[in-house]
Amino acid sequence: MKYLKLLVFLAAVGALACGESAKGGISVKDVAATGALYQQNCSACHGIKGEGVVGPTFKTGVPMTRSLEQLTAQINGGSGVMPAFKDKLQPDQINELAKYVYKEIQGRQ
């Protein structure tokens, strides 16, 4: 029983370290800081609330079907007119931006 409790505890810690809560949802480490990062790098094209400006909206259509991994890849590598951010942002910043779009803008869990 003691080992089972330890295993459950370690699994929960591992999930949190990967950005997921114990409930299985996505978690942004620092919403305010990542929101500022979004404002600086994404909002000119995608809108302050993800409503779309010259870039697509995050609220409907294909962006709502993208997985967290697909959003991360899109930010990292870009496509079409969207620039790649892999040389501008750190990998952890890209991961946090993807989680921010997924959870805070799209309202997904």
PDB file of N, CA and C in Angstrom:
ATOM      1  N   MET A   1       0.829  -1.193   0.000  1.00  0.00           N
ATOM      2  CA  MET A   1       0.000   0.000   0.000  1.00  0.00           C
ATOM      3  C   MET A   1       0.872   1.255   0.000  1.00  0.00           C
ATOM      4  N   LYS A   2       1.963   1.199   0.756  1.00  0.00           N
ATOM      5  CA  LYS A   2       2.868   2.333   0.851  1.00  0.00           C
ATOM      6  C   LYS A   2       3.454   2.655  -0.534  1.00  0.00           C
ATOM      7  N   TYR A   3       3.798   1.611  -1.287  1.00  0.00           N
ATOM      8  CA  TYR A   3       4.375   1.817  -2.611  1.00  0.00           C
ATOM      9  C   TYR A   3       3.339   2.331  -3.600  1.00  0.00           C
ATOM     10  N   LEU A   4       2.102   1.909  -3.451  1.00  0.00           N
ATOM     11  CA  LEU A   4       1.029   2.389  -4.312  1.00  0.00           C
ATOM     12  C   LEU A   4       0.819   3.886  -4.116  1.00  0.00           C
ATOM     13  N   LYS A   5       0.833   4.340  -2.869  1.00  0.00           N
ATOM     14  CA  LYS A   5       0.685   5.765  -2.588  1.00  0.00           C
ATOM     15  C   LYS A   5       1.843   6.555  -3.192  1.00  0.00           C
ATOM     16  N   LEU A   6       3.038   6.017  -3.080  1.00  0.00           N
ATOM     17  CA  LEU A   6       4.209   6.673  -3.649  1.00  0.00           C
ATOM     18  C   LEU A   6       4.091   6.745  -5.166  1.00  0.00           C
ATOM     19  N   LEU A   7       3.664   5.678  -5.787  1.00  0.00           N
ATOM     20  CA  LEU A   7       3.501   5.638  -7.239  1.00  0.00           C
ATOM     21  C   LEU A   7       2.461   6.655  -7.693  1.00  0.00           C
ATOM     22  N   VAL A   8       1.344   6.762  -7.007  1.00  0.00           N
ATOM     23  CA  VAL A   8       0.304   7.733  -7.347  1.00  0.00           C
ATOM     24  C   VAL A   8       0.844   9.156  -7.191  1.00  0.00           C
ATOM     25  N   PHE A   9       1.564   9.389  -6.110  1.00  0.00           N
ATOM     26  CA  PHE A   9       2.146  10.711  -5.875  1.00  0.00           C
ATOM     27  C   PHE A   9       3.115  11.078  -7.004  1.00  0.00           C
ATOM     28  N   LEU A  10       3.996  10.171  -7.367  1.00  0.00           N
ATOM     29  CA  LEU A  10       4.974  10.436  -8.426  1.00  0.00           C
ATOM     30  C   LEU A  10       4.292  10.656  -9.773  1.00  0.00           C
ATOM     31  N   ALA A  11       3.241   9.927 -10.047  1.00  0.00           N
ATOM     32  CA  ALA A  11       2.490  10.114 -11.297  1.00  0.00           C
ATOM     33  C   ALA A  11       1.867  11.503 -11.342  1.00  0.00           C
ATOM     34  N   ALA A  12       1.312  11.956 -10.219  1.00  0.00           N
ATOM     35  CA  ALA A  12       0.704  13.290 -10.159  1.00  0.00           C
ATOM     36  C   ALA A  12       1.752  14.374 -10.349  1.00  0.00           C
ATOM     37  N   VAL A  13       2.894  14.220  -9.709  1.00  0.00           N
ATOM     38  CA  VAL A  13       3.985  15.194  -9.862  1.00  0.00           C
ATOM     39  C   VAL A  13       4.464  15.219 -11.312  1.00  0.00           C
ATOM     40  N   GLY A  14       4.601  14.063 -11.918  1.00  0.00           N
ATOM     41  CA  GLY A  14       5.019  13.992 -13.318  1.00  0.00           C
ATOM     42  C   GLY A  14       4.026  14.662 -14.242  1.00  0.00           C
ATOM     43  N   ALA A  15       2.747  14.463 -14.001  1.00  0.00           N
ATOM     44  CA  ALA A  15       1.719  15.101 -14.827  1.00  0.00           C
ATOM     45  C   ALA A  15       1.775  16.614 -14.688  1.00  0.00           C
ATOM     46  N   LEU A  16       1.961  17.109 -13.479  1.00  0.00           N
ATOM     47  CA  LEU A  16       2.057  18.555 -13.274  1.00  0.00           C
ATOM     48  C   LEU A  16       3.297  19.128 -13.950  1.00  0.00           C
ATOM     49  N   ALA A  17       4.381  18.400 -13.906  1.00  0.00           N
ATOM     50  CA  ALA A  17       5.617  18.862 -14.546  1.00  0.00           C
ATOM     51  C   ALA A  17       5.456  18.949 -16.050  1.00  0.00           C
ATOM     52  N   CYS A  18       4.572  18.157 -16.607  1.00  0.00           N
ATOM     53  CA  CYS A  18       4.335  18.171 -18.049  1.00  0.00           C
ATOM     54  C   CYS A  18       3.256  19.177 -18.438  1.00  0.00           C
ATOM     55  N   GLY A  19       2.744  19.930 -17.479  1.00  0.00           N
ATOM     56  CA  GLY A  19       1.751  20.940 -17.789  1.00  0.00           C
ATOM     57  C   GLY A  19       0.330  20.438 -17.708  1.00  0.00           C
ATOM     58  N   GLU A  20       0.112  19.272 -17.151  1.00  0.00           N
ATOM     59  CA  GLU A  20      -1.231  18.760 -17.011  1.00  0.00           C
ATOM     60  C   GLU A  20      -1.565  18.671 -15.533  1.00  0.00           C
ATOM     61  N   SER A  21      -2.795  18.985 -15.219  1.00  0.00           N
ATOM     62  CA  SER A  21      -3.207  18.892 -13.822  1.00  0.00           C
ATOM     63  C   SER A  21      -3.534  17.451 -13.493  1.00  0.00           C
ATOM     64  N   ALA A  22      -3.710  17.159 -12.233  1.00  0.00           N
ATOM     65  CA  ALA A  22      -4.058  15.813 -11.808  1.00  0.00           C
ATOM     66  C   ALA A  22      -5.398  15.390 -12.392  1.00  0.00           C
ATOM     67  N   LYS A  23      -6.244  16.333 -12.771  1.00  0.00           N
ATOM     68  CA  LYS A  23      -7.523  16.026 -13.388  1.00  0.00           C
ATOM     69  C   LYS A  23      -7.381  15.756 -14.879  1.00  0.00           C
ATOM     70  N   GLY A  24      -6.204  15.908 -15.438  1.00  0.00           N
ATOM     71  CA  GLY A  24      -5.977  15.637 -16.852  1.00  0.00           C
ATOM     72  C   GLY A  24      -6.104  16.862 -17.732  1.00  0.00           C
ATOM     73  N   GLY A  25      -6.399  18.026 -17.172  1.00  0.00           N
ATOM     74  CA  GLY A  25      -6.538  19.231 -17.966  1.00  0.00           C
ATOM     75  C   GLY A  25      -5.200  19.898 -18.242  1.00  0.00           C
ATOM     76  N   ILE A  26      -5.213  20.822 -19.161  1.00  0.00           N
ATOM     77  CA  ILE A  26      -4.026  21.584 -19.522  1.00  0.00           C
ATOM     78  C   ILE A  26      -3.884  22.745 -18.547  1.00  0.00           C
ATOM     79  N   SER A  27      -2.659  23.072 -18.190  1.00  0.00           N
ATOM     80  CA  SER A  27      -2.406  24.134 -17.234  1.00  0.00           C
ATOM     81  C   SER A  27      -1.294  25.036 -17.754  1.00  0.00           C
ATOM     82  N   VAL A  28      -1.545  26.336 -17.777  1.00  0.00           N
ATOM     83  CA  VAL A  28      -0.540  27.322 -18.162  1.00  0.00           C
ATOM     84  C   VAL A  28       0.174  27.743 -16.886  1.00  0.00           C
ATOM     85  N   LYS A  29       1.494  27.688 -16.895  1.00  0.00           N
ATOM     86  CA  LYS A  29       2.271  27.983 -15.678  1.00  0.00           C
ATOM     87  C   LYS A  29       2.027  29.393 -15.166  1.00  0.00           C
ATOM     88  N   ASP A  30       2.097  30.382 -16.041  1.00  0.00           N
ATOM     89  CA  ASP A  30       1.916  31.781 -15.644  1.00  0.00           C
ATOM     90  C   ASP A  30       1.046  32.452 -16.705  1.00  0.00           C
ATOM     91  N   VAL A  31      -0.249  32.513 -16.440  1.00  0.00           N
ATOM     92  CA  VAL A  31      -1.208  33.029 -17.418  1.00  0.00           C
ATOM     93  C   VAL A  31      -0.890  34.471 -17.794  1.00  0.00           C
ATOM     94  N   ALA A  32      -0.548  35.310 -16.831  1.00  0.00           N
ATOM     95  CA  ALA A  32      -0.269  36.721 -17.117  1.00  0.00           C
ATOM     96  C   ALA A  32       0.957  36.875 -18.020  1.00  0.00           C
ATOM     97  N   ALA A  33       2.028  36.181 -17.700  1.00  0.00           N
ATOM     98  CA  ALA A  33       3.255  36.278 -18.498  1.00  0.00           C
ATOM     99  C   ALA A  33       3.043  35.701 -19.895  1.00  0.00           C
ATOM    100  N   THR A  34       2.341  34.590 -19.983  1.00  0.00           N
ATOM    101  CA  THR A  34       2.105  33.978 -21.292  1.00  0.00           C
ATOM    102  C   THR A  34       1.120  34.819 -22.099  1.00  0.00           C
ATOM    103  N   GLY A  35       0.163  35.444 -21.414  1.00  0.00           N
ATOM    104  CA  GLY A  35      -0.745  36.371 -22.095  1.00  0.00           C
ATOM    105  C   GLY A  35       0.016  37.543 -22.700  1.00  0.00           C
ATOM    106  N   ALA A  36       0.994  38.053 -21.973  1.00  0.00           N
ATOM    107  CA  ALA A  36       1.831  39.140 -22.501  1.00  0.00           C
ATOM    108  C   ALA A  36       2.648  38.662 -23.692  1.00  0.00           C
ATOM    109  N   LEU A  37       3.160  37.445 -23.625  1.00  0.00           N
ATOM    110  CA  LEU A  37       3.913  36.855 -24.735  1.00  0.00           C
ATOM    111  C   LEU A  37       3.009  36.712 -25.963  1.00  0.00           C
ATOM    112  N   TYR A  38       1.766  36.274 -25.739  1.00  0.00           N
ATOM    113  CA  TYR A  38       0.782  36.163 -26.816  1.00  0.00           C
ATOM    114  C   TYR A  38       0.535  37.544 -27.425  1.00  0.00           C
ATOM    115  N   GLN A  39       0.333  38.552 -26.586  1.00  0.00           N
ATOM    116  CA  GLN A  39       0.081  39.911 -27.079  1.00  0.00           C
ATOM    117  C   GLN A  39       1.228  40.388 -27.976  1.00  0.00           C
ATOM    118  N   GLN A  40       2.462  40.120 -27.554  1.00  0.00           N
ATOM    119  CA  GLN A  40       3.643  40.580 -28.290  1.00  0.00           C
ATOM    120  C   GLN A  40       3.840  39.843 -29.602  1.00  0.00           C
ATOM    121  N   ASN A  41       3.497  38.563 -29.653  1.00  0.00           N
ATOM    122  CA  ASN A  41       3.869  37.748 -30.800  1.00  0.00           C
ATOM    123  C   ASN A  41       2.716  37.261 -31.669  1.00  0.00           C
ATOM    124  N   CYS A  42       1.500  37.250 -31.146  1.00  0.00           N
ATOM    125  CA  CYS A  42       0.401  36.594 -31.858  1.00  0.00           C
ATOM    126  C   CYS A  42      -0.795  37.489 -32.138  1.00  0.00           C
ATOM    127  N   SER A  43      -1.070  38.440 -31.248  1.00  0.00           N
ATOM    128  CA  SER A  43      -2.324  39.184 -31.315  1.00  0.00           C
ATOM    129  C   SER A  43      -2.457  40.078 -32.547  1.00  0.00           C
ATOM    130  N   ALA A  44      -1.361  40.539 -33.120  1.00  0.00           N
ATOM    131  CA  ALA A  44      -1.459  41.389 -34.309  1.00  0.00           C
ATOM    132  C   ALA A  44      -2.154  40.654 -35.459  1.00  0.00           C
ATOM    133  N   CYS A  45      -1.932  39.368 -35.546  1.00  0.00           N
ATOM    134  CA  CYS A  45      -2.557  38.572 -36.618  1.00  0.00           C
ATOM    135  C   CYS A  45      -3.798  37.816 -36.151  1.00  0.00           C
ATOM    136  N   HIS A  46      -3.773  37.306 -34.936  1.00  0.00           N
ATOM    137  CA  HIS A  46      -4.854  36.441 -34.459  1.00  0.00           C
ATOM    138  C   HIS A  46      -5.845  37.144 -33.539  1.00  0.00           C
ATOM    139  N   GLY A  47      -5.600  38.404 -33.198  1.00  0.00           N
ATOM    140  CA  GLY A  47      -6.513  39.147 -32.349  1.00  0.00           C
ATOM    141  C   GLY A  47      -6.216  38.950 -30.875  1.00  0.00           C
ATOM    142  N   ILE A  48      -6.578  39.929 -30.090  1.00  0.00           N
ATOM    143  CA  ILE A  48      -6.303  39.903 -28.657  1.00  0.00           C
ATOM    144  C   ILE A  48      -6.993  38.721 -27.977  1.00  0.00           C
ATOM    145  N   LYS A  49      -8.190  38.387 -28.434  1.00  0.00           N
ATOM    146  CA  LYS A  49      -8.937  37.278 -27.845  1.00  0.00           C
ATOM    147  C   LYS A  49      -9.024  36.084 -28.784  1.00  0.00           C
ATOM    148  N   GLY A  50      -8.148  36.044 -29.803  1.00  0.00           N
ATOM    149  CA  GLY A  50      -8.136  34.924 -30.738  1.00  0.00           C
ATOM    150  C   GLY A  50      -9.220  35.008 -31.790  1.00  0.00           C
ATOM    151  N   GLU A  51      -9.795  36.202 -31.964  1.00  0.00           N
ATOM    152  CA  GLU A  51     -10.904  36.368 -32.891  1.00  0.00           C
ATOM    153  C   GLU A  51     -10.483  36.460 -34.355  1.00  0.00           C
ATOM    154  N   GLY A  52      -9.183  36.566 -34.607  1.00  0.00           N
ATOM    155  CA  GLY A  52      -8.680  36.668 -35.972  1.00  0.00           C
ATOM    156  C   GLY A  52      -8.650  38.107 -36.449  1.00  0.00           C
ATOM    157  N   VAL A  53      -7.582  38.462 -37.121  1.00  0.00           N
ATOM    158  CA  VAL A  53      -7.441  39.784 -37.733  1.00  0.00           C
ATOM    159  C   VAL A  53      -7.037  39.513 -39.170  1.00  0.00           C
ATOM    160  N   VAL A  54      -5.749  39.402 -39.442  1.00  0.00           N
ATOM    161  CA  VAL A  54      -5.292  38.961 -40.760  1.00  0.00           C
ATOM    162  C   VAL A  54      -5.001  37.462 -40.742  1.00  0.00           C
ATOM    163  N   GLY A  55      -4.779  36.921 -39.554  1.00  0.00           N
ATOM    164  CA  GLY A  55      -4.619  35.481 -39.376  1.00  0.00           C
ATOM    165  C   GLY A  55      -5.955  34.880 -38.987  1.00  0.00           C
ATOM    166  N   PRO A  56      -6.062  33.576 -39.025  1.00  0.00           N
ATOM    167  CA  PRO A  56      -7.351  32.944 -38.717  1.00  0.00           C
ATOM    168  C   PRO A  56      -7.750  33.084 -37.247  1.00  0.00           C
ATOM    169  N   THR A  57      -9.042  32.985 -37.024  1.00  0.00           N
ATOM    170  CA  THR A  57      -9.576  32.963 -35.672  1.00  0.00           C
ATOM    171  C   THR A  57      -9.191  31.643 -35.004  1.00  0.00           C
ATOM    172  N   PHE A  58      -9.030  31.679 -33.706  1.00  0.00           N
ATOM    173  CA  PHE A  58      -8.789  30.454 -32.932  1.00  0.00           C
ATOM    174  C   PHE A  58     -10.099  29.889 -32.388  1.00  0.00           C
ATOM    175  N   LYS A  59     -11.203  30.594 -32.636  1.00  0.00           N
ATOM    176  CA  LYS A  59     -12.477  30.273 -32.006  1.00  0.00           C
ATOM    177  C   LYS A  59     -13.335  29.258 -32.761  1.00  0.00           C
ATOM    178  N   THR A  60     -13.143  29.117 -34.058  1.00  0.00           N
ATOM    179  CA  THR A  60     -13.972  28.211 -34.862  1.00  0.00           C
ATOM    180  C   THR A  60     -13.119  27.507 -35.912  1.00  0.00           C
ATOM    181  N   GLY A  61     -13.720  26.560 -36.589  1.00  0.00           N
ATOM    182  CA  GLY A  61     -13.068  25.903 -37.721  1.00  0.00           C
ATOM    183  C   GLY A  61     -11.891  25.033 -37.341  1.00  0.00           C
ATOM    184  N   VAL A  62     -10.968  24.927 -38.267  1.00  0.00           N
ATOM    185  CA  VAL A  62      -9.812  24.033 -38.128  1.00  0.00           C
ATOM    186  C   VAL A  62      -9.016  24.263 -36.850  1.00  0.00           C
ATOM    187  N   PRO A  63      -8.727  25.506 -36.437  1.00  0.00           N
ATOM    188  CA  PRO A  63      -7.953  25.672 -35.199  1.00  0.00           C
ATOM    189  C   PRO A  63      -8.577  24.994 -33.984  1.00  0.00           C
ATOM    190  N   MET A  64      -9.897  24.871 -33.950  1.00  0.00           N
ATOM    191  CA  MET A  64     -10.563  24.214 -32.819  1.00  0.00           C
ATOM    192  C   MET A  64     -10.412  22.694 -32.866  1.00  0.00           C
ATOM    193  N   THR A  65      -9.961  22.161 -33.984  1.00  0.00           N
ATOM    194  CA  THR A  65      -9.762  20.713 -34.095  1.00  0.00           C
ATOM    195  C   THR A  65      -8.316  20.311 -33.853  1.00  0.00           C
ATOM    196  N   ARG A  66      -7.434  21.285 -33.760  1.00  0.00           N
ATOM    197  CA  ARG A  66      -6.010  20.997 -33.579  1.00  0.00           C
ATOM    198  C   ARG A  66      -5.724  20.548 -32.154  1.00  0.00           C
ATOM    199  N   SER A  67      -4.881  19.530 -32.043  1.00  0.00           N
ATOM    200  CA  SER A  67      -4.440  19.068 -30.730  1.00  0.00           C
ATOM    201  C   SER A  67      -3.408  20.050 -30.177  1.00  0.00           C
ATOM    202  N   LEU A  68      -3.113  19.914 -28.914  1.00  0.00           N
ATOM    203  CA  LEU A  68      -2.085  20.736 -28.294  1.00  0.00           C
ATOM    204  C   LEU A  68      -0.746  20.537 -29.015  1.00  0.00           C
ATOM    205  N   GLU A  69      -0.448  19.311 -29.379  1.00  0.00           N
ATOM    206  CA  GLU A  69       0.800  19.018 -30.083  1.00  0.00           C
ATOM    207  C   GLU A  69       0.828  19.690 -31.461  1.00  0.00           C
ATOM    208  N   GLN A  70      -0.313  19.715 -32.144  1.00  0.00           N
ATOM    209  CA  GLN A  70      -0.381  20.367 -33.449  1.00  0.00           C
ATOM    210  C   GLN A  70      -0.236  21.883 -33.324  1.00  0.00           C
ATOM    211  N   LEU A  71      -0.838  22.467 -32.290  1.00  0.00           N
ATOM    212  CA  LEU A  71      -0.664  23.903 -32.064  1.00  0.00           C
ATOM    213  C   LEU A  71       0.798  24.231 -31.776  1.00  0.00           C
ATOM    214  N   THR A  72       1.439  23.401 -30.970  1.00  0.00           N
ATOM    215  CA  THR A  72       2.851  23.606 -30.646  1.00  0.00           C
ATOM    216  C   THR A  72       3.698  23.538 -31.916  1.00  0.00           C
ATOM    217  N   ALA A  73       3.440  22.552 -32.752  1.00  0.00           N
ATOM    218  CA  ALA A  73       4.193  22.402 -34.015  1.00  0.00           C
ATOM    219  C   ALA A  73       3.967  23.602 -34.929  1.00  0.00           C
ATOM    220  N   GLN A  74       2.741  24.110 -34.980  1.00  0.00           N
ATOM    221  CA  GLN A  74       2.416  25.268 -35.815  1.00  0.00           C
ATOM    222  C   GLN A  74       3.189  26.508 -35.358  1.00  0.00           C
ATOM    223  N   ILE A  75       3.204  26.747 -34.060  1.00  0.00           N
ATOM    224  CA  ILE A  75       3.936  27.900 -33.539  1.00  0.00           C
ATOM    225  C   ILE A  75       5.429  27.715 -33.784  1.00  0.00           C
ATOM    226  N   ASN A  76       5.913  26.535 -33.553  1.00  0.00           N
ATOM    227  CA  ASN A  76       7.333  26.243 -33.719  1.00  0.00           C
ATOM    228  C   ASN A  76       7.788  26.404 -35.165  1.00  0.00           C
ATOM    229  N   GLY A  77       7.076  25.770 -36.092  1.00  0.00           N
ATOM    230  CA  GLY A  77       7.529  25.735 -37.477  1.00  0.00           C
ATOM    231  C   GLY A  77       6.854  26.698 -38.424  1.00  0.00           C
ATOM    232  N   GLY A  78       5.707  27.289 -38.011  1.00  0.00           N
ATOM    233  CA  GLY A  78       4.972  28.177 -38.898  1.00  0.00           C
ATOM    234  C   GLY A  78       4.433  27.424 -40.111  1.00  0.00           C
ATOM    235  N   SER A  79       3.764  28.126 -40.984  1.00  0.00           N
ATOM    236  CA  SER A  79       3.318  27.583 -42.275  1.00  0.00           C
ATOM    237  C   SER A  79       2.643  28.698 -43.052  1.00  0.00           C
ATOM    238  N   GLY A  80       2.698  28.588 -44.362  1.00  0.00           N
ATOM    239  CA  GLY A  80       2.111  29.646 -45.190  1.00  0.00           C
ATOM    240  C   GLY A  80       2.723  30.987 -44.840  1.00  0.00           C
ATOM    241  N   VAL A  81       1.877  31.962 -44.521  1.00  0.00           N
ATOM    242  CA  VAL A  81       2.381  33.295 -44.162  1.00  0.00           C
ATOM    243  C   VAL A  81       2.750  33.411 -42.690  1.00  0.00           C
ATOM    244  N   MET A  82       2.369  32.414 -41.887  1.00  0.00           N
ATOM    245  CA  MET A  82       2.725  32.456 -40.468  1.00  0.00           C
ATOM    246  C   MET A  82       4.206  32.124 -40.302  1.00  0.00           C
ATOM    247  N   PRO A  83       4.947  33.010 -39.641  1.00  0.00           N
ATOM    248  CA  PRO A  83       6.372  32.736 -39.438  1.00  0.00           C
ATOM    249  C   PRO A  83       6.599  31.651 -38.384  1.00  0.00           C
ATOM    250  N   ALA A  84       7.743  31.009 -38.476  1.00  0.00           N
ATOM    251  CA  ALA A  84       8.165  30.058 -37.448  1.00  0.00           C
ATOM    252  C   ALA A  84       8.719  30.853 -36.271  1.00  0.00           C
ATOM    253  N   PHE A  85       8.431  30.399 -35.072  1.00  0.00           N
ATOM    254  CA  PHE A  85       8.914  31.077 -33.876  1.00  0.00           C
ATOM    255  C   PHE A  85      10.039  30.302 -33.190  1.00  0.00           C
ATOM    256  N   LYS A  86      10.487  29.205 -33.804  1.00  0.00           N
ATOM    257  CA  LYS A  86      11.524  28.380 -33.180  1.00  0.00           C
ATOM    258  C   LYS A  86      12.839  29.117 -32.973  1.00  0.00           C
ATOM    259  N   ASP A  87      13.125  30.129 -33.779  1.00  0.00           N
ATOM    260  CA  ASP A  87      14.357  30.895 -33.620  1.00  0.00           C
ATOM    261  C   ASP A  87      14.152  32.187 -32.818  1.00  0.00           C
ATOM    262  N   LYS A  88      12.891  32.497 -32.510  1.00  0.00           N
ATOM    263  CA  LYS A  88      12.583  33.730 -31.779  1.00  0.00           C
ATOM    264  C   LYS A  88      12.248  33.459 -30.308  1.00  0.00           C
ATOM    265  N   LEU A  89      11.620  32.317 -30.038  1.00  0.00           N
ATOM    266  CA  LEU A  89      11.185  31.983 -28.688  1.00  0.00           C
ATOM    267  C   LEU A  89      11.845  30.701 -28.205  1.00  0.00           C
ATOM    268  N   GLN A  90      11.946  30.565 -26.904  1.00  0.00           N
ATOM    269  CA  GLN A  90      12.481  29.344 -26.299  1.00  0.00           C
ATOM    270  C   GLN A  90      11.440  28.230 -26.410  1.00  0.00           C
ATOM    271  N   PRO A  91      11.863  26.966 -26.446  1.00  0.00           N
ATOM    272  CA  PRO A  91      10.899  25.864 -26.526  1.00  0.00           C
ATOM    273  C   PRO A  91       9.832  25.887 -25.432  1.00  0.00           C
ATOM    274  N   ASP A  92      10.209  26.256 -24.206  1.00  0.00           N
ATOM    275  CA  ASP A  92       9.205  26.311 -23.139  1.00  0.00           C
ATOM    276  C   ASP A  92       8.207  27.446 -23.372  1.00  0.00           C
ATOM    277  N   GLN A  93       8.638  28.548 -23.979  1.00  0.00           N
ATOM    278  CA  GLN A  93       7.721  29.635 -24.301  1.00  0.00           C
ATOM    279  C   GLN A  93       6.722  29.201 -25.379  1.00  0.00           C
ATOM    280  N   ILE A  94       7.208  28.456 -26.366  1.00  0.00           N
ATOM    281  CA  ILE A  94       6.334  27.940 -27.423  1.00  0.00           C
ATOM    282  C   ILE A  94       5.317  26.972 -26.835  1.00  0.00           C
ATOM    283  N   ASN A  95       5.761  26.095 -25.953  1.00  0.00           N
ATOM    284  CA  ASN A  95       4.836  25.158 -25.292  1.00  0.00           C
ATOM    285  C   ASN A  95       3.782  25.897 -24.485  1.00  0.00           C
ATOM    286  N   GLU A  96       4.191  26.926 -23.764  1.00  0.00           N
ATOM    287  CA  GLU A  96       3.248  27.693 -22.956  1.00  0.00           C
ATOM    288  C   GLU A  96       2.271  28.465 -23.837  1.00  0.00           C
ATOM    289  N   LEU A  97       2.745  29.010 -24.956  1.00  0.00           N
ATOM    290  CA  LEU A  97       1.844  29.707 -25.875  1.00  0.00           C
ATOM    291  C   LEU A  97       0.794  28.750 -26.433  1.00  0.00           C
ATOM    292  N   ALA A  98       1.211  27.550 -26.801  1.00  0.00           N
ATOM    293  CA  ALA A  98       0.256  26.563 -27.320  1.00  0.00           C
ATOM    294  C   ALA A  98      -0.789  26.230 -26.258  1.00  0.00           C
ATOM    295  N   LYS A  99      -0.343  26.033 -25.021  1.00  0.00           N
ATOM    296  CA  LYS A  99      -1.285  25.759 -23.929  1.00  0.00           C
ATOM    297  C   LYS A  99      -2.205  26.951 -23.690  1.00  0.00           C
ATOM    298  N   TYR A 100      -1.667  28.155 -23.798  1.00  0.00           N
ATOM    299  CA  TYR A 100      -2.457  29.371 -23.603  1.00  0.00           C
ATOM    300  C   TYR A 100      -3.565  29.455 -24.650  1.00  0.00           C
ATOM    301  N   VAL A 101      -3.217  29.233 -25.910  1.00  0.00           N
ATOM    302  CA  VAL A 101      -4.222  29.256 -26.981  1.00  0.00           C
ATOM    303  C   VAL A 101      -5.266  28.175 -26.730  1.00  0.00           C
ATOM    304  N   TYR A 102      -4.810  26.983 -26.439  1.00  0.00           N
ATOM    305  CA  TYR A 102      -5.684  25.829 -26.244  1.00  0.00           C
ATOM    306  C   TYR A 102      -6.655  26.043 -25.082  1.00  0.00           C
ATOM    307  N   LYS A 103      -6.140  26.489 -23.967  1.00  0.00           N
ATOM    308  CA  LYS A 103      -6.956  26.597 -22.752  1.00  0.00           C
ATOM    309  C   LYS A 103      -7.597  27.968 -22.574  1.00  0.00           C
ATOM    310  N   GLU A 104      -6.788  29.010 -22.589  1.00  0.00           N
ATOM    311  CA  GLU A 104      -7.270  30.346 -22.244  1.00  0.00           C
ATOM    312  C   GLU A 104      -8.058  30.998 -23.375  1.00  0.00           C
ATOM    313  N   ILE A 105      -7.662  30.771 -24.617  1.00  0.00           N
ATOM    314  CA  ILE A 105      -8.350  31.405 -25.737  1.00  0.00           C
ATOM    315  C   ILE A 105      -9.469  30.509 -26.270  1.00  0.00           C
ATOM    316  N   GLN A 106      -9.155  29.237 -26.470  1.00  0.00           N
ATOM    317  CA  GLN A 106     -10.167  28.337 -27.025  1.00  0.00           C
ATOM    318  C   GLN A 106     -11.077  27.745 -25.937  1.00  0.00           C
ATOM    319  N   GLY A 107     -10.660  27.838 -24.696  1.00  0.00           N
ATOM    320  CA  GLY A 107     -11.486  27.342 -23.594  1.00  0.00           C
ATOM    321  C   GLY A 107     -11.585  25.836 -23.515  1.00  0.00           C
ATOM    322  N   ARG A 108     -10.576  25.144 -24.049  1.00  0.00           N
ATOM    323  CA  ARG A 108     -10.598  23.680 -24.006  1.00  0.00           C
ATOM    324  C   ARG A 108      -9.852  23.181 -22.788  1.00  0.00           C
ATOM    325  N   GLN A 109     -10.126  21.957 -22.407  1.00  0.00           N
ATOM    326  CA  GLN A 109      -9.490  21.324 -21.262  1.00  0.00           C
ATOM    327  C   GLN A 109      -8.466  20.345 -21.759  1.00  0.00           C
TER     328      GLN A 109
END
